């Protein structure tokens, strides 16, 4: 009989990050979360209240510019922790489940913050379509070739002839400039006026031709579009009126 018995192997020690490293990581995480929350706020509430946003512009030129550095710092911290964790795993040391959970949460945060342009418009399409800035939003969606957003706006009640407030252009103008044939055909089928003129007196066909979108120009011609181009007096007046609108808007605020 073995009086001593077999000694059970003791479990590998759990590897933990130093306290200071955890605090630093928490600070970087909070800063990054604050930045992404602000950017999402701009793409949702501010967008349907104020129209298309230059996302992050006001933040970068204000007191919150410091927040822009936090994602970089968090990324570097996360990369370092991942390398450390892999090395500890190779050395047969247990890495706590909490650490893996935190790393997963950070990855989720970056995924949320890196969602493509137009995602939040799709999520809140009903609210966007009911916005007084629906025309602006549709025009910008057409400029970037986002057919799904255009489809969502129209299906939620926005007019195919809605115009933006600065240039008085419809989404047909934007699709013509972009050369987006699918959007052109869809908007025309929903009552979009292919001969609508913008503030300068230009029609969608004029924008298609001036932007060398030959295929779009051909489709517009098939749909009955005419090449309408404003004269120099109209263009100068349009520029003057746009500047005046900006001044009046600033006075209103």
Protein backbone atom coordinates (compact mmCIF):
# COMPACT_ATOMS: atom_id res chain seq x y z
CA UNK A 1 0.00 0.00 0.00
CA UNK A 2 1.36 3.43 -0.97
CA UNK A 3 1.35 5.43 2.27
CA UNK A 4 1.99 8.70 0.47
CA UNK A 5 -0.40 8.21 -2.43
CA UNK A 6 -0.17 9.96 -5.77
CA UNK A 7 0.03 13.71 -5.55
CA UNK A 8 -2.70 15.35 -7.62
CA UNK A 9 -1.47 17.87 -10.05
CA UNK A 10 -2.26 21.38 -8.87
CA UNK A 11 -4.25 23.47 -11.33
CA UNK A 12 -2.37 26.06 -13.34
CA UNK A 13 -2.51 29.52 -11.78
CA UNK A 14 -4.98 31.98 -13.23
CA UNK A 15 -3.19 34.76 -15.10
CA UNK A 16 -4.50 38.21 -14.24
CA UNK A 17 -3.72 41.60 -15.64
CA UNK A 18 -2.08 44.10 -13.32
CA UNK A 19 -4.55 46.41 -11.60
CA UNK A 20 -3.21 49.47 -13.42
CA UNK A 21 -3.65 47.77 -16.80
CA UNK A 22 -7.29 47.01 -16.00
CA UNK A 23 -7.94 50.63 -14.98
CA UNK A 24 -6.27 51.96 -18.14
CA UNK A 25 -8.28 49.56 -20.29
CA UNK A 26 -11.49 50.64 -18.58
CA UNK A 27 -10.70 54.30 -19.25
CA UNK A 28 -10.01 53.61 -22.92
CA UNK A 29 -13.21 51.58 -23.20
CA UNK A 30 -15.37 54.30 -21.64
CA UNK A 31 -13.83 56.99 -23.86
CA UNK A 32 -14.40 54.91 -26.98
CA UNK A 33 -17.98 54.10 -25.97
CA UNK A 34 -18.66 57.82 -25.42
CA UNK A 35 -17.29 58.65 -28.87
CA UNK A 36 -19.32 55.97 -30.64
CA UNK A 37 -22.46 56.97 -28.73
CA UNK A 38 -21.99 60.56 -29.89
CA UNK A 39 -21.46 59.51 -33.52
CA UNK A 40 -24.54 57.28 -33.45
CA UNK A 41 -26.53 60.16 -31.94
CA UNK A 42 -25.45 62.35 -34.88
CA UNK A 43 -26.48 59.65 -37.37
CA UNK A 44 -29.89 59.19 -35.77
CA UNK A 45 -31.49 62.00 -33.74
CA UNK A 46 -29.49 64.87 -35.22
CA UNK A 47 -30.00 63.49 -38.73
CA UNK A 48 -33.78 63.40 -38.61
CA UNK A 49 -33.90 66.69 -36.72
CA UNK A 50 -31.27 68.63 -38.72
CA UNK A 51 -30.69 66.74 -41.94
CA UNK A 52 -27.51 65.02 -43.26
CA UNK A 53 -24.57 65.34 -40.89
CA UNK A 54 -20.83 65.66 -41.38
CA UNK A 55 -20.46 62.98 -38.74
CA UNK A 56 -17.79 63.84 -36.19
CA UNK A 57 -17.02 67.27 -37.67
CA UNK A 58 -18.41 69.36 -34.82
CA UNK A 59 -16.84 66.99 -32.31
CA UNK A 60 -13.42 67.24 -33.96
CA UNK A 61 -13.58 71.04 -33.88
CA UNK A 62 -14.79 71.31 -30.30
CA UNK A 63 -13.88 70.32 -26.78
CA UNK A 64 -14.66 66.67 -27.45
CA UNK A 65 -11.82 66.22 -29.95
CA UNK A 66 -9.89 64.27 -27.32
CA UNK A 67 -12.43 61.45 -27.65
CA UNK A 68 -11.18 60.76 -31.18
CA UNK A 69 -7.96 59.31 -29.75
CA UNK A 70 -9.65 56.75 -27.52
CA UNK A 71 -10.43 54.13 -30.21
CA UNK A 72 -6.74 54.15 -31.22
CA UNK A 73 -5.65 53.74 -27.61
CA UNK A 74 -8.21 51.02 -26.98
CA UNK A 75 -7.16 49.17 -30.12
CA UNK A 76 -3.51 49.24 -29.06
CA UNK A 77 -4.41 48.13 -25.52
CA UNK A 78 -6.56 45.29 -26.86
CA UNK A 79 -3.86 44.10 -29.26
CA UNK A 80 -1.37 44.02 -26.39
CA UNK A 81 -3.73 42.07 -24.15
CA UNK A 82 -4.46 39.55 -26.91
CA UNK A 83 -0.73 38.95 -27.48
CA UNK A 84 -0.18 38.58 -23.73
CA UNK A 85 -3.13 36.20 -23.39
CA UNK A 86 -1.90 33.97 -26.22
CA UNK A 87 1.59 33.88 -24.71
CA UNK A 88 0.17 32.94 -21.29
CA UNK A 89 -1.95 30.23 -22.89
CA UNK A 90 1.13 28.79 -24.61
CA UNK A 91 2.87 28.80 -21.21
CA UNK A 92 0.02 26.65 -19.83
CA UNK A 93 -1.36 29.42 -17.66
CA UNK A 94 -5.10 29.78 -17.33
CA UNK A 95 -6.53 33.00 -18.73
CA UNK A 96 -9.66 34.02 -16.86
CA UNK A 97 -12.99 33.87 -18.65
CA UNK A 98 -13.59 37.45 -17.60
CA UNK A 99 -10.68 38.61 -19.72
CA UNK A 100 -11.98 36.77 -22.78
CA UNK A 101 -15.44 38.23 -22.15
CA UNK A 102 -13.99 41.75 -21.94
CA UNK A 103 -12.08 41.24 -25.18
CA UNK A 104 -15.28 40.03 -26.85
CA UNK A 105 -17.12 43.11 -25.58
CA UNK A 106 -14.43 45.37 -27.01
CA UNK A 107 -14.68 43.66 -30.41
CA UNK A 108 -18.47 44.15 -30.28
CA UNK A 109 -17.96 47.83 -29.50
CA UNK A 110 -15.69 48.28 -32.53
CA UNK A 111 -18.19 46.46 -34.76
CA UNK A 112 -20.95 48.79 -33.55
CA UNK A 113 -18.82 51.87 -34.11
CA UNK A 114 -17.73 50.72 -37.56
CA UNK A 115 -21.17 50.12 -39.06
CA UNK A 116 -21.34 51.43 -42.64
CA UNK A 117 -22.87 54.73 -43.68
CA UNK A 118 -26.62 54.44 -44.09
CA UNK A 119 -27.06 51.63 -41.53
CA UNK A 120 -28.88 53.81 -39.01
CA UNK A 121 -31.04 55.29 -41.76
CA UNK A 122 -32.21 51.76 -42.50
CA UNK A 123 -32.87 51.02 -38.84
CA UNK A 124 -34.87 54.23 -38.32
CA UNK A 125 -36.21 54.54 -41.87
CA UNK A 126 -39.74 55.35 -40.73
CA UNK A 127 -38.53 58.25 -38.58
CA UNK A 128 -36.20 59.45 -41.35
CA UNK A 129 -38.98 59.36 -43.97
CA UNK A 130 -41.22 61.48 -41.71
CA UNK A 131 -38.46 64.03 -41.15
CA UNK A 132 -38.78 67.53 -42.68
CA UNK A 133 -35.31 66.79 -44.09
CA UNK A 134 -36.41 63.66 -45.96
CA UNK A 135 -35.60 65.31 -49.31
CA UNK A 136 -32.03 66.06 -48.18
CA UNK A 137 -31.57 62.52 -46.90
CA UNK A 138 -32.92 60.95 -50.09
CA UNK A 139 -30.65 63.11 -52.24
CA UNK A 140 -27.56 62.14 -50.26
CA UNK A 141 -28.59 58.48 -50.35
CA UNK A 142 -28.87 58.77 -54.14
CA UNK A 143 -25.44 60.42 -54.35
CA UNK A 144 -23.86 57.45 -52.60
CA UNK A 145 -25.89 54.91 -54.59
CA UNK A 146 -27.81 53.53 -51.61
CA UNK A 147 -30.84 52.03 -53.35
CA UNK A 148 -32.11 50.26 -50.22
CA UNK A 149 -32.43 53.55 -48.35
CA UNK A 150 -34.20 55.20 -51.30
CA UNK A 151 -36.59 52.24 -51.45
CA UNK A 152 -37.21 52.54 -47.71
CA UNK A 153 -37.98 56.26 -47.88
CA UNK A 154 -40.52 55.89 -50.67
CA UNK A 155 -42.14 52.81 -49.14
CA UNK A 156 -42.58 54.75 -45.88
CA UNK A 157 -44.39 57.61 -47.56
CA UNK A 158 -41.67 60.00 -48.72
CA UNK A 159 -42.35 61.58 -52.11
CA UNK A 160 -40.21 60.57 -55.06
CA UNK A 161 -40.13 64.29 -55.87
CA UNK A 162 -38.95 65.47 -52.45
CA UNK A 163 -36.23 68.10 -52.78
CA UNK A 164 -33.31 69.07 -50.60
CA UNK A 165 -33.36 72.51 -49.01
CA UNK A 166 -30.11 73.90 -50.41
CA UNK A 167 -30.12 72.95 -54.10
CA UNK A 168 -33.78 71.98 -54.62
CA UNK A 169 -32.65 68.73 -56.16
CA UNK A 170 -34.61 65.50 -56.09
CA UNK A 171 -33.19 62.02 -55.62
CA UNK A 172 -33.47 61.69 -59.40
CA UNK A 173 -30.85 64.42 -59.71
CA UNK A 174 -28.59 62.52 -57.33
CA UNK A 175 -29.08 59.20 -59.10
CA UNK A 176 -28.42 60.86 -62.48
CA UNK A 177 -25.17 62.39 -61.24
CA UNK A 178 -24.17 59.04 -59.74
CA UNK A 179 -25.21 57.06 -62.83
CA UNK A 180 -27.48 54.78 -60.77
CA UNK A 181 -29.81 53.32 -63.39
CA UNK A 182 -31.77 51.13 -60.97
CA UNK A 183 -32.64 54.10 -58.77
CA UNK A 184 -33.58 56.20 -61.81
CA UNK A 185 -36.01 53.57 -63.06
CA UNK A 186 -37.47 53.00 -59.61
CA UNK A 187 -38.07 56.68 -58.85
CA UNK A 188 -39.60 57.26 -62.27
CA UNK A 189 -41.96 54.31 -61.66
CA UNK A 190 -43.02 55.95 -58.40
CA UNK A 191 -43.96 59.23 -60.04
CA UNK A 192 -40.59 60.96 -59.96
CA UNK A 193 -40.44 63.87 -62.38
CA UNK A 194 -37.58 63.21 -64.78
CA UNK A 195 -37.73 66.85 -65.90
CA UNK A 196 -37.61 68.45 -62.46
CA UNK A 197 -35.17 71.36 -62.36
CA UNK A 198 -32.98 72.32 -59.42
CA UNK A 199 -32.25 75.78 -58.06
CA UNK A 200 -29.84 76.46 -60.94
CA UNK A 201 -32.37 75.32 -63.54
CA UNK A 202 -30.71 71.96 -64.31
CA UNK A 203 -32.62 68.75 -64.96
CA UNK A 204 -31.47 65.19 -64.09
CA UNK A 205 -30.51 64.60 -67.72
CA UNK A 206 -28.27 67.68 -67.65
CA UNK A 207 -26.48 66.33 -64.57
CA UNK A 208 -26.09 62.89 -66.13
CA UNK A 209 -24.54 64.35 -69.28
CA UNK A 210 -22.31 66.85 -67.47
CA UNK A 211 -21.04 64.04 -65.21
CA UNK A 212 -20.38 61.77 -68.22
CA UNK A 213 -22.94 59.18 -67.10
CA UNK A 214 -23.81 58.02 -70.60
CA UNK A 215 -25.84 54.96 -69.58
CA UNK A 216 -27.91 57.01 -67.16
CA UNK A 217 -28.45 59.70 -69.78
CA UNK A 218 -29.71 57.06 -72.21
CA UNK A 219 -32.16 55.67 -69.66
CA UNK A 220 -33.43 59.14 -68.78
CA UNK A 221 -33.98 59.91 -72.46
CA UNK A 222 -35.97 56.68 -72.79
CA UNK A 223 -38.08 57.83 -69.83
CA UNK A 224 -38.90 61.09 -71.59
CA UNK A 225 -36.35 63.34 -69.91
CA UNK A 226 -35.18 66.57 -71.52
CA UNK A 227 -31.82 68.24 -71.15
CA UNK A 228 -32.67 71.45 -69.33
CA UNK A 229 -29.85 73.74 -68.27
CA UNK A 230 -30.17 76.99 -66.38
CA UNK A 231 -28.55 80.13 -67.70
CA UNK A 232 -25.82 82.11 -65.97
CA UNK A 233 -28.30 84.48 -64.33
CA UNK A 234 -30.10 81.54 -62.71
CA UNK A 235 -26.84 80.09 -61.44
CA UNK A 236 -25.72 83.35 -59.89
CA UNK A 237 -29.09 83.85 -58.26
CA UNK A 238 -28.99 80.29 -56.92
CA UNK A 239 -25.59 80.90 -55.33
CA UNK A 240 -26.76 84.21 -53.83
CA UNK A 241 -29.94 82.64 -52.43
CA UNK A 242 -28.03 79.69 -50.94
CA UNK A 243 -25.67 82.04 -49.13
CA UNK A 244 -28.62 84.07 -47.88
CA UNK A 245 -30.32 80.92 -46.61
CA UNK A 246 -27.21 80.05 -44.61
CA UNK A 247 -27.10 83.56 -43.11
CA UNK A 248 -30.80 83.45 -42.24
CA UNK A 249 -30.35 80.00 -40.70
CA UNK A 250 -27.51 81.24 -38.50
CA UNK A 251 -29.59 84.19 -37.37
CA UNK A 252 -32.42 81.83 -36.53
CA UNK A 253 -30.14 79.90 -34.18
